[in-house]
C-alpha cells in the first residue's frame, strides 16, 4: 500500500492491554491506527482529523469506556 492509500482507523478502547494488542494487530495489516482512551478523546480525534483533511476511514469502538461518556453516546 502506498503512503497515500493507507487507511486510517480510530480505535477507541479504555483498556490499555486491549488497545495495545488490537492496535498492533491492525497495524500489522498496513493500517494507520490512532488510539483514543475515552469517548471525549475520540470526538476530539475525529474533529482534529477532519480539520486536517485526513478523516478516519473506520472507527472501532468499545461500548463500555468506564467513566465519562460511553461508546454509544460518543
PDB file of N, CA and C in Angstrom:
ATOM      1  N   UNK A   1       0.839  -1.177   0.000  1.00  0.00           N
ATOM      2  CA  UNK A   1       0.000   0.000   0.000  1.00  0.00           C
ATOM      3  C   UNK A   1       0.883   1.239   0.000  1.00  0.00           C
ATOM      4  N   UNK A   2       0.610   2.181  -0.863  1.00  0.00           N
ATOM      5  CA  UNK A   2       1.385   3.421  -0.865  1.00  0.00           C
ATOM      6  C   UNK A   2       0.959   4.291   0.302  1.00  0.00           C
ATOM      7  N   UNK A   3       1.808   5.246   0.675  1.00  0.00           N
ATOM      8  CA  UNK A   3       1.519   6.108   1.828  1.00  0.00           C
ATOM      9  C   UNK A   3       0.199   6.843   1.655  1.00  0.00           C
ATOM     10  N   UNK A   4      -0.124   7.247   0.433  1.00  0.00           N
ATOM     11  CA  UNK A   4      -1.364   7.988   0.218  1.00  0.00           C
ATOM     12  C   UNK A   4      -2.589   7.086   0.296  1.00  0.00           C
ATOM     13  N   UNK A   5      -2.401   5.773   0.148  1.00  0.00           N
ATOM     14  CA  UNK A   5      -3.524   4.848   0.166  1.00  0.00           C
ATOM     15  C   UNK A   5      -3.725   4.184   1.525  1.00  0.00           C
ATOM     16  N   UNK A   6      -2.893   4.498   2.501  1.00  0.00           N
ATOM     17  CA  UNK A   6      -3.014   3.877   3.817  1.00  0.00           C
ATOM     18  C   UNK A   6      -4.325   4.300   4.465  1.00  0.00           C
ATOM     19  N   UNK A   7      -5.087   3.323   4.875  1.00  0.00           N
ATOM     20  CA  UNK A   7      -6.370   3.583   5.528  1.00  0.00           C
ATOM     21  C   UNK A   7      -6.135   3.916   6.990  1.00  0.00           C
ATOM     22  N   UNK A   8      -6.904   4.883   7.474  1.00  0.00           N
ATOM     23  CA  UNK A   8      -6.752   5.359   8.852  1.00  0.00           C
ATOM     24  C   UNK A   8      -7.886   4.818   9.713  1.00  0.00           C
ATOM     25  N   UNK A   9      -7.532   4.292  10.867  1.00  0.00           N
ATOM     26  CA  UNK A   9      -8.507   3.719  11.790  1.00  0.00           C
ATOM     27  C   UNK A   9      -8.367   4.389  13.146  1.00  0.00           C
ATOM     28  N   UNK A  10      -9.504   4.759  13.716  1.00  0.00           N
ATOM     29  CA  UNK A  10      -9.534   5.250  15.094  1.00  0.00           C
ATOM     30  C   UNK A  10     -10.035   4.115  15.970  1.00  0.00           C
ATOM     31  N   UNK A  11      -9.214   3.700  16.904  1.00  0.00           N
ATOM     32  CA  UNK A  11      -9.557   2.654  17.862  1.00  0.00           C
ATOM     33  C   UNK A  11      -9.872   3.326  19.189  1.00  0.00           C
ATOM     34  N   UNK A  12     -11.086   3.125  19.679  1.00  0.00           N
ATOM     35  CA  UNK A  12     -11.494   3.720  20.952  1.00  0.00           C
ATOM     36  C   UNK A  12     -11.631   2.587  21.962  1.00  0.00           C
ATOM     37  N   UNK A  13     -10.692   2.534  22.894  1.00  0.00           N
ATOM     38  CA  UNK A  13     -10.609   1.438  23.861  1.00  0.00           C
ATOM     39  C   UNK A  13      -9.959   1.951  25.136  1.00  0.00           C
ATOM     40  N   UNK A  14     -10.632   1.740  26.274  1.00  0.00           N
ATOM     41  CA  UNK A  14     -10.111   2.248  27.540  1.00  0.00           C
ATOM     42  C   UNK A  14      -9.141   1.292  28.224  1.00  0.00           C
ATOM     43  N   UNK A  15      -9.149   0.029  27.870  1.00  0.00           N
ATOM     44  CA  UNK A  15      -8.241  -0.929  28.496  1.00  0.00           C
ATOM     45  C   UNK A  15      -6.926  -0.959  27.716  1.00  0.00           C
ATOM     46  N   UNK A  16      -5.849  -0.568  28.391  1.00  0.00           N
ATOM     47  CA  UNK A  16      -4.550  -0.388  27.735  1.00  0.00           C
ATOM     48  C   UNK A  16      -4.062  -1.643  27.020  1.00  0.00           C
ATOM     49  N   UNK A  17      -4.164  -2.801  27.649  1.00  0.00           N
ATOM     50  CA  UNK A  17      -3.635  -4.024  27.038  1.00  0.00           C
ATOM     51  C   UNK A  17      -4.441  -4.412  25.806  1.00  0.00           C
ATOM     52  N   UNK A  18      -5.750  -4.206  25.851  1.00  0.00           N
ATOM     53  CA  UNK A  18      -6.604  -4.498  24.690  1.00  0.00           C
ATOM     54  C   UNK A  18      -6.289  -3.522  23.561  1.00  0.00           C
ATOM     55  N   UNK A  19      -6.132  -2.246  23.913  1.00  0.00           N
ATOM     56  CA  UNK A  19      -5.806  -1.229  22.906  1.00  0.00           C
ATOM     57  C   UNK A  19      -4.461  -1.535  22.251  1.00  0.00           C
ATOM     58  N   UNK A  20      -3.470  -1.903  23.047  1.00  0.00           N
ATOM     59  CA  UNK A  20      -2.142  -2.213  22.519  1.00  0.00           C
ATOM     60  C   UNK A  20      -2.190  -3.424  21.589  1.00  0.00           C
ATOM     61  N   UNK A  21      -2.832  -4.491  22.030  1.00  0.00           N
ATOM     62  CA  UNK A  21      -2.917  -5.707  21.226  1.00  0.00           C
ATOM     63  C   UNK A  21      -3.674  -5.455  19.920  1.00  0.00           C
ATOM     64  N   UNK A  22      -4.821  -4.819  20.011  1.00  0.00           N
ATOM     65  CA  UNK A  22      -5.628  -4.549  18.817  1.00  0.00           C
ATOM     66  C   UNK A  22      -4.887  -3.629  17.860  1.00  0.00           C
ATOM     67  N   UNK A  23      -4.267  -2.600  18.396  1.00  0.00           N
ATOM     68  CA  UNK A  23      -3.518  -1.658  17.567  1.00  0.00           C
ATOM     69  C   UNK A  23      -2.383  -2.358  16.823  1.00  0.00           C
ATOM     70  N   UNK A  24      -1.646  -3.197  17.511  1.00  0.00           N
ATOM     71  CA  UNK A  24      -0.538  -3.925  16.875  1.00  0.00           C
ATOM     72  C   UNK A  24      -1.040  -4.855  15.774  1.00  0.00           C
ATOM     73  N   UNK A  25      -2.127  -5.549  16.066  1.00  0.00           N
ATOM     74  CA  UNK A  25      -2.672  -6.483  15.069  1.00  0.00           C
ATOM     75  C   UNK A  25      -3.147  -5.747  13.821  1.00  0.00           C
ATOM     76  N   UNK A  26      -3.882  -4.671  14.017  1.00  0.00           N
ATOM     77  CA  UNK A  26      -4.422  -3.918  12.884  1.00  0.00           C
ATOM     78  C   UNK A  26      -3.290  -3.240  12.107  1.00  0.00           C
ATOM     79  N   UNK A  27      -2.302  -2.699  12.816  1.00  0.00           N
ATOM     80  CA  UNK A  27      -1.151  -2.071  12.168  1.00  0.00           C
ATOM     81  C   UNK A  27      -0.388  -3.084  11.314  1.00  0.00           C
ATOM     82  N   UNK A  28      -0.328  -4.330  11.762  1.00  0.00           N
ATOM     83  CA  UNK A  28       0.397  -5.360  11.006  1.00  0.00           C
ATOM     84  C   UNK A  28      -0.226  -5.626   9.639  1.00  0.00           C
ATOM     85  N   UNK A  29      -1.473  -5.225   9.457  1.00  0.00           N
ATOM     86  CA  UNK A  29      -2.145  -5.371   8.159  1.00  0.00           C
ATOM     87  C   UNK A  29      -1.984  -4.127   7.292  1.00  0.00           C
ATOM     88  N   UNK A  30      -1.188  -3.168   7.774  1.00  0.00           N
ATOM     89  CA  UNK A  30      -0.879  -1.997   6.968  1.00  0.00           C
ATOM     90  C   UNK A  30      -1.736  -0.772   7.224  1.00  0.00           C
ATOM     91  N   UNK A  31      -2.523  -0.791   8.281  1.00  0.00           N
ATOM     92  CA  UNK A  31      -3.369   0.356   8.604  1.00  0.00           C
ATOM     93  C   UNK A  31      -2.648   1.326   9.532  1.00  0.00           C
ATOM     94  N   UNK A  32      -3.033   2.584   9.458  1.00  0.00           N
ATOM     95  CA  UNK A  32      -2.540   3.622  10.363  1.00  0.00           C
ATOM     96  C   UNK A  32      -3.558   3.731  11.495  1.00  0.00           C
ATOM     97  N   UNK A  33      -3.153   3.373  12.709  1.00  0.00           N
ATOM     98  CA  UNK A  33      -4.083   3.316  13.838  1.00  0.00           C
ATOM     99  C   UNK A  33      -3.801   4.432  14.833  1.00  0.00           C
ATOM    100  N   UNK A  34      -4.854   5.131  15.213  1.00  0.00           N
ATOM    101  CA  UNK A  34      -4.813   6.116  16.285  1.00  0.00           C
ATOM    102  C   UNK A  34      -5.677   5.568  17.410  1.00  0.00           C
ATOM    103  N   UNK A  35      -5.190   5.649  18.644  1.00  0.00           N
ATOM    104  CA  UNK A  35      -5.935   5.134  19.791  1.00  0.00           C
ATOM    105  C   UNK A  35      -6.440   6.292  20.635  1.00  0.00           C
ATOM    106  N   UNK A  36      -7.712   6.230  20.998  1.00  0.00           N
ATOM    107  CA  UNK A  36      -8.314   7.162  21.953  1.00  0.00           C
ATOM    108  C   UNK A  36      -8.816   6.326  23.122  1.00  0.00           C
ATOM    109  N   UNK A  37      -8.573   6.791  24.339  1.00  0.00           N
ATOM    110  CA  UNK A  37      -8.941   6.009  25.525  1.00  0.00           C
ATOM    111  C   UNK A  37     -10.306   6.381  26.110  1.00  0.00           C
ATOM    112  N   UNK A  38     -10.860   7.495  25.672  1.00  0.00           N
ATOM    113  CA  UNK A  38     -12.167   7.935  26.183  1.00  0.00           C
ATOM    114  C   UNK A  38     -13.048   8.386  25.023  1.00  0.00           C
ATOM    115  N   UNK A  39     -14.347   8.469  25.294  1.00  0.00           N
ATOM    116  CA  UNK A  39     -15.259   8.989  24.289  1.00  0.00           C
ATOM    117  C   UNK A  39     -14.945  10.421  23.930  1.00  0.00           C
ATOM    118  N   UNK A  40     -14.602  11.196  24.936  1.00  0.00           N
ATOM    119  CA  UNK A  40     -14.258  12.603  24.697  1.00  0.00           C
ATOM    120  C   UNK A  40     -13.022  12.725  23.803  1.00  0.00           C
ATOM    121  N   UNK A  41     -12.018  11.885  24.065  1.00  0.00           N
ATOM    122  CA  UNK A  41     -10.800  11.898  23.246  1.00  0.00           C
ATOM    123  C   UNK A  41     -11.100  11.449  21.818  1.00  0.00           C
ATOM    124  N   UNK A  42     -12.037  10.528  21.662  1.00  0.00           N
ATOM    125  CA  UNK A  42     -12.425  10.069  20.324  1.00  0.00           C
ATOM    126  C   UNK A  42     -13.070  11.195  19.530  1.00  0.00           C
ATOM    127  N   UNK A  43     -13.961  11.928  20.167  1.00  0.00           N
ATOM    128  CA  UNK A  43     -14.613  13.055  19.498  1.00  0.00           C
ATOM    129  C   UNK A  43     -13.573  14.085  19.075  1.00  0.00           C
ATOM    130  N   UNK A  44     -12.627  14.378  19.956  1.00  0.00           N
ATOM    131  CA  UNK A  44     -11.568  15.340  19.632  1.00  0.00           C
ATOM    132  C   UNK A  44     -10.709  14.833  18.474  1.00  0.00           C
ATOM    133  N   UNK A  45     -10.383  13.541  18.477  1.00  0.00           N
ATOM    134  CA  UNK A  45      -9.562  12.969  17.403  1.00  0.00           C
ATOM    135  C   UNK A  45     -10.271  13.059  16.054  1.00  0.00           C
ATOM    136  N   UNK A  46     -11.573  12.800  16.042  1.00  0.00           N
ATOM    137  CA  UNK A  46     -12.348  12.897  14.799  1.00  0.00           C
ATOM    138  C   UNK A  46     -12.387  14.339  14.319  1.00  0.00           C
ATOM    139  N   UNK A  47     -12.643  15.270  15.237  1.00  0.00           N
ATOM    140  CA  UNK A  47     -12.661  16.697  14.875  1.00  0.00           C
ATOM    141  C   UNK A  47     -11.313  17.139  14.309  1.00  0.00           C
ATOM    142  N   UNK A  48     -10.223  16.738  14.977  1.00  0.00           N
ATOM    143  CA  UNK A  48      -8.880  17.108  14.525  1.00  0.00           C
ATOM    144  C   UNK A  48      -8.577  16.520  13.145  1.00  0.00           C
ATOM    145  N   UNK A  49      -8.959  15.266  12.943  1.00  0.00           N
ATOM    146  CA  UNK A  49      -8.702  14.606  11.662  1.00  0.00           C
ATOM    147  C   UNK A  49      -9.445  15.300  10.524  1.00  0.00           C
ATOM    148  N   UNK A  50     -10.694  15.676  10.771  1.00  0.00           N
ATOM    149  CA  UNK A  50     -11.467  16.391   9.746  1.00  0.00           C
ATOM    150  C   UNK A  50     -10.863  17.762   9.467  1.00  0.00           C
ATOM    151  N   UNK A  51     -10.428  18.445  10.515  1.00  0.00           N
ATOM    152  CA  UNK A  51      -9.839  19.776  10.348  1.00  0.00           C
ATOM    153  C   UNK A  51      -8.561  19.718   9.509  1.00  0.00           C
ATOM    154  N   UNK A  52      -7.829  18.614   9.623  1.00  0.00           N
ATOM    155  CA  UNK A  52      -6.585  18.446   8.861  1.00  0.00           C
ATOM    156  C   UNK A  52      -6.835  17.866   7.467  1.00  0.00           C
ATOM    157  N   UNK A  53      -8.096  17.563   7.167  1.00  0.00           N
ATOM    158  CA  UNK A  53      -8.418  16.988   5.866  1.00  0.00           C
ATOM    159  C   UNK A  53      -8.020  15.532   5.721  1.00  0.00           C
ATOM    160  N   UNK A  54      -7.842  14.851   6.853  1.00  0.00           N
ATOM    161  CA  UNK A  54      -7.457  13.437   6.856  1.00  0.00           C
ATOM    162  C   UNK A  54      -8.383  12.646   7.769  1.00  0.00           C
ATOM    163  N   UNK A  55      -9.658  12.537   7.389  1.00  0.00           N
ATOM    164  CA  UNK A  55     -10.609  11.838   8.259  1.00  0.00           C
ATOM    165  C   UNK A  55     -10.288  10.345   8.368  1.00  0.00           C
ATOM    166  N   UNK A  56     -10.810   9.743   9.404  1.00  0.00           N
ATOM    167  CA  UNK A  56     -10.632   8.306   9.593  1.00  0.00           C
ATOM    168  C   UNK A  56     -11.522   7.554   8.612  1.00  0.00           C
ATOM    169  N   UNK A  57     -11.044   6.392   8.185  1.00  0.00           N
ATOM    170  CA  UNK A  57     -11.809   5.536   7.287  1.00  0.00           C
ATOM    171  C   UNK A  57     -12.706   4.579   8.061  1.00  0.00           C
ATOM    172  N   UNK A  58     -12.309   4.276   9.296  1.00  0.00           N
ATOM    173  CA  UNK A  58     -13.048   3.313  10.100  1.00  0.00           C
ATOM    174  C   UNK A  58     -12.881   3.656  11.571  1.00  0.00           C
ATOM    175  N   UNK A  59     -13.923   3.421  12.340  1.00  0.00           N
ATOM    176  CA  UNK A  59     -13.900   3.630  13.783  1.00  0.00           C
ATOM    177  C   UNK A  59     -14.211   2.304  14.454  1.00  0.00           C
ATOM    178  N   UNK A  60     -13.304   1.833  15.300  1.00  0.00           N
ATOM    179  CA  UNK A  60     -13.534   0.634  16.104  1.00  0.00           C
ATOM    180  C   UNK A  60     -13.778   1.106  17.529  1.00  0.00           C
ATOM    181  N   UNK A  61     -14.979   0.860  18.039  1.00  0.00           N
ATOM    182  CA  UNK A  61     -15.409   1.474  19.291  1.00  0.00           C
ATOM    183  C   UNK A  61     -15.791   0.442  20.345  1.00  0.00           C
ATOM    184  N   UNK A  62     -15.156   0.541  21.502  1.00  0.00           N
ATOM    185  CA  UNK A  62     -15.588  -0.196  22.687  1.00  0.00           C
ATOM    186  C   UNK A  62     -16.847   0.506  23.195  1.00  0.00           C
ATOM    187  N   UNK A  63     -17.812  -0.229  23.672  1.00  0.00           N
ATOM    188  CA  UNK A  63     -19.044   0.385  24.164  1.00  0.00           C
ATOM    189  C   UNK A  63     -18.899   0.829  25.619  1.00  0.00           C
ATOM    190  N   UNK A  64     -18.304  -0.019  26.464  1.00  0.00           N
ATOM    191  CA  UNK A  64     -18.131   0.320  27.881  1.00  0.00           C
ATOM    192  C   UNK A  64     -16.752   0.948  28.070  1.00  0.00           C
ATOM    193  N   UNK A  65     -16.729   2.279  28.160  1.00  0.00           N
ATOM    194  CA  UNK A  65     -15.465   3.015  28.280  1.00  0.00           C
ATOM    195  C   UNK A  65     -15.189   3.497  29.697  1.00  0.00           C
ATOM    196  N   UNK A  66     -15.858   2.924  30.675  1.00  0.00           N
ATOM    197  CA  UNK A  66     -15.631   3.342  32.056  1.00  0.00           C
ATOM    198  C   UNK A  66     -16.259   4.691  32.341  1.00  0.00           C
ATOM    199  N   UNK A  67     -15.548   5.540  33.088  1.00  0.00           N
ATOM    200  CA  UNK A  67     -16.058   6.866  33.461  1.00  0.00           C
ATOM    201  C   UNK A  67     -16.195   7.748  32.226  1.00  0.00           C
ATOM    202  N   UNK A  68     -17.102   8.699  32.281  1.00  0.00           N
ATOM    203  CA  UNK A  68     -17.320   9.601  31.144  1.00  0.00           C
ATOM    204  C   UNK A  68     -18.361   9.036  30.202  1.00  0.00           C
ATOM    205  N   UNK A  69     -18.392   9.577  28.996  1.00  0.00           N
ATOM    206  CA  UNK A  69     -19.392   9.108  28.043  1.00  0.00           C
ATOM    207  C   UNK A  69     -18.988   7.747  27.488  1.00  0.00           C
ATOM    208  N   UNK A  70     -19.985   6.906  27.210  1.00  0.00           N
ATOM    209  CA  UNK A  70     -19.696   5.564  26.706  1.00  0.00           C
ATOM    210  C   UNK A  70     -19.606   5.565  25.185  1.00  0.00           C
ATOM    211  N   UNK A  71     -19.310   4.413  24.636  1.00  0.00           N
ATOM    212  CA  UNK A  71     -19.149   4.299  23.198  1.00  0.00           C
ATOM    213  C   UNK A  71     -20.413   4.609  22.422  1.00  0.00           C
ATOM    214  N   UNK A  72     -21.560   4.241  22.959  1.00  0.00           N
ATOM    215  CA  UNK A  72     -22.825   4.517  22.280  1.00  0.00           C
ATOM    216  C   UNK A  72     -23.096   6.009  22.227  1.00  0.00           C
ATOM    217  N   UNK A  73     -22.870   6.698  23.322  1.00  0.00           N
ATOM    218  CA  UNK A  73     -23.093   8.143  23.371  1.00  0.00           C
ATOM    219  C   UNK A  73     -22.087   8.892  22.497  1.00  0.00           C
ATOM    220  N   UNK A  74     -20.863   8.383  22.437  1.00  0.00           N
ATOM    221  CA  UNK A  74     -19.831   9.021  21.622  1.00  0.00           C
ATOM    222  C   UNK A  74     -20.248   9.019  20.180  1.00  0.00           C
TER     223      UNK A  74
END
